[in-house]
Amino acid sequence: MNVSDAICLKRAVRKFNPDPLSEETIQAILNAGRRAQSSKNTQPWHFIAITDKVILKDLSECGDWAGHLAGAALGVALLTEDPNEKFQRLFDLGQATTHLS
């Protein structure tokens, strides 16, 4: 599949298969995020892979748009140093997020 087709076919999923993901699949997802471009290749992020159903349920209640996390097999928390200190960190996190999806 070429990049243009991948962009056109991308969709936001909000309902998930309840089956757990393999460790290999989780590592592939995290590695895709790690390989995102960042300003001067600083990679100013940390990822936390969350598979615990109780934690995912708790996270699903943290905001108006997070409800779908309750049914996910994996949630990924993206962290960076104080994002208010440098706008570029937010942009870089956005790049990593697109690679994770």
Protein backbone atom coordinates (compact mmCIF):
# COMPACT_ATOMS: atom_id res chain seq x y z
CA MET A 1 0.00 0.00 0.00
CA ASN A 2 1.34 3.42 -0.82
CA VAL A 3 1.28 6.37 1.59
CA SER A 4 -1.57 8.15 -0.20
CA ASP A 5 -3.78 5.06 0.07
CA ALA A 6 -2.89 4.62 3.74
CA ILE A 7 -3.86 8.23 4.47
CA CYS A 8 -7.16 7.92 2.63
CA LEU A 9 -8.05 4.64 4.35
CA LYS A 10 -7.15 5.69 7.91
CA ARG A 11 -10.06 5.87 10.30
CA ALA A 12 -10.56 6.56 13.97
CA VAL A 13 -11.58 3.34 15.72
CA ARG A 14 -13.70 3.56 18.85
CA LYS A 15 -14.81 -0.09 19.22
CA PHE A 16 -12.24 -2.79 19.70
CA ASN A 17 -11.82 -6.53 19.58
CA PRO A 18 -11.55 -7.67 23.23
CA ASP A 19 -8.66 -10.05 22.54
CA PRO A 20 -5.32 -9.07 24.09
CA LEU A 21 -2.47 -8.03 21.81
CA SER A 22 0.71 -10.05 21.59
CA GLU A 23 3.89 -8.61 23.06
CA GLU A 24 5.28 -8.53 19.52
CA THR A 25 2.36 -6.38 18.33
CA ILE A 26 2.68 -4.00 21.28
CA GLN A 27 6.41 -3.61 20.63
CA ALA A 28 5.75 -2.95 16.94
CA ILE A 29 3.25 -0.20 17.83
CA LEU A 30 5.64 1.44 20.30
CA ASN A 31 8.53 1.17 17.87
CA ALA A 32 6.45 2.92 15.20
CA GLY A 33 5.90 5.82 17.60
CA ARG A 34 9.56 5.90 18.54
CA ARG A 35 10.53 6.24 14.89
CA ALA A 36 8.49 9.42 14.40
CA GLN A 37 10.40 12.50 13.38
CA SER A 38 11.16 15.05 16.06
CA SER A 39 12.88 18.41 16.21
CA LYS A 40 16.63 17.82 15.88
CA ASN A 41 15.90 14.12 16.57
CA THR A 42 15.48 14.89 20.27
CA GLN A 43 12.67 12.34 20.64
CA PRO A 44 11.33 14.22 23.70
CA TRP A 45 8.86 11.53 24.72
CA HIS A 46 8.27 8.49 26.84
CA PHE A 47 5.55 5.95 26.12
CA ILE A 48 3.71 3.89 28.71
CA ALA A 49 1.89 0.86 27.31
CA ILE A 50 -1.24 0.14 29.34
CA THR A 51 -2.96 -3.23 29.02
CA ASP A 52 -4.51 -3.51 32.49
CA LYS A 53 -8.31 -3.40 32.01
CA VAL A 54 -8.91 -1.66 35.35
CA ILE A 55 -6.46 1.12 34.51
CA LEU A 56 -7.90 1.47 31.00
CA LYS A 57 -11.40 1.74 32.52
CA ASP A 58 -10.18 4.40 34.97
CA LEU A 59 -8.51 6.33 32.14
CA SER A 60 -11.71 6.13 30.10
CA GLU A 61 -13.38 8.26 32.77
CA CYS A 62 -10.75 11.02 32.69
CA GLY A 63 -12.34 13.09 29.97
CA ASP A 64 -15.33 13.51 27.74
CA TRP A 65 -13.61 11.90 24.75
CA ALA A 66 -11.79 8.98 26.42
CA GLY A 67 -14.67 6.52 26.88
CA HIS A 68 -13.42 4.19 24.16
CA LEU A 69 -10.33 3.32 26.25
CA ALA A 70 -12.46 1.06 28.45
CA GLY A 71 -12.79 -1.45 25.59
CA ALA A 72 -9.25 -1.21 24.25
CA ALA A 73 -6.64 -3.94 24.55
CA LEU A 74 -3.91 -1.30 24.69
CA GLY A 75 -3.68 2.34 25.64
CA VAL A 76 -0.49 4.32 25.20
CA ALA A 77 0.25 7.31 27.42
CA LEU A 78 2.63 9.80 25.81
CA LEU A 79 4.70 11.87 28.20
CA THR A 80 7.13 14.71 27.71
CA GLU A 81 8.81 17.26 29.91
CA ASP A 82 6.79 20.39 30.61
CA PRO A 83 5.00 20.89 27.26
CA ASN A 84 4.33 24.54 28.14
CA GLU A 85 8.07 25.21 28.22
CA LYS A 86 8.53 24.39 24.53
CA PHE A 87 5.76 24.31 21.95
CA GLN A 88 7.95 22.07 19.80
CA ARG A 89 7.45 19.21 22.28
CA LEU A 90 3.71 19.24 21.62
CA PHE A 91 4.30 19.17 17.88
CA ASP A 92 6.72 16.26 18.31
CA LEU A 93 4.19 14.37 20.44
CA GLY A 94 1.65 14.88 17.68
CA GLN A 95 4.07 13.32 15.21
CA ALA A 96 4.61 10.32 17.49
CA THR A 97 0.86 9.96 17.97
CA THR A 98 0.24 9.69 14.24
CA HIS A 99 2.85 6.97 13.99
CA LEU A 100 1.29 5.01 16.87
CA SER A 101 -2.07 4.91 15.14
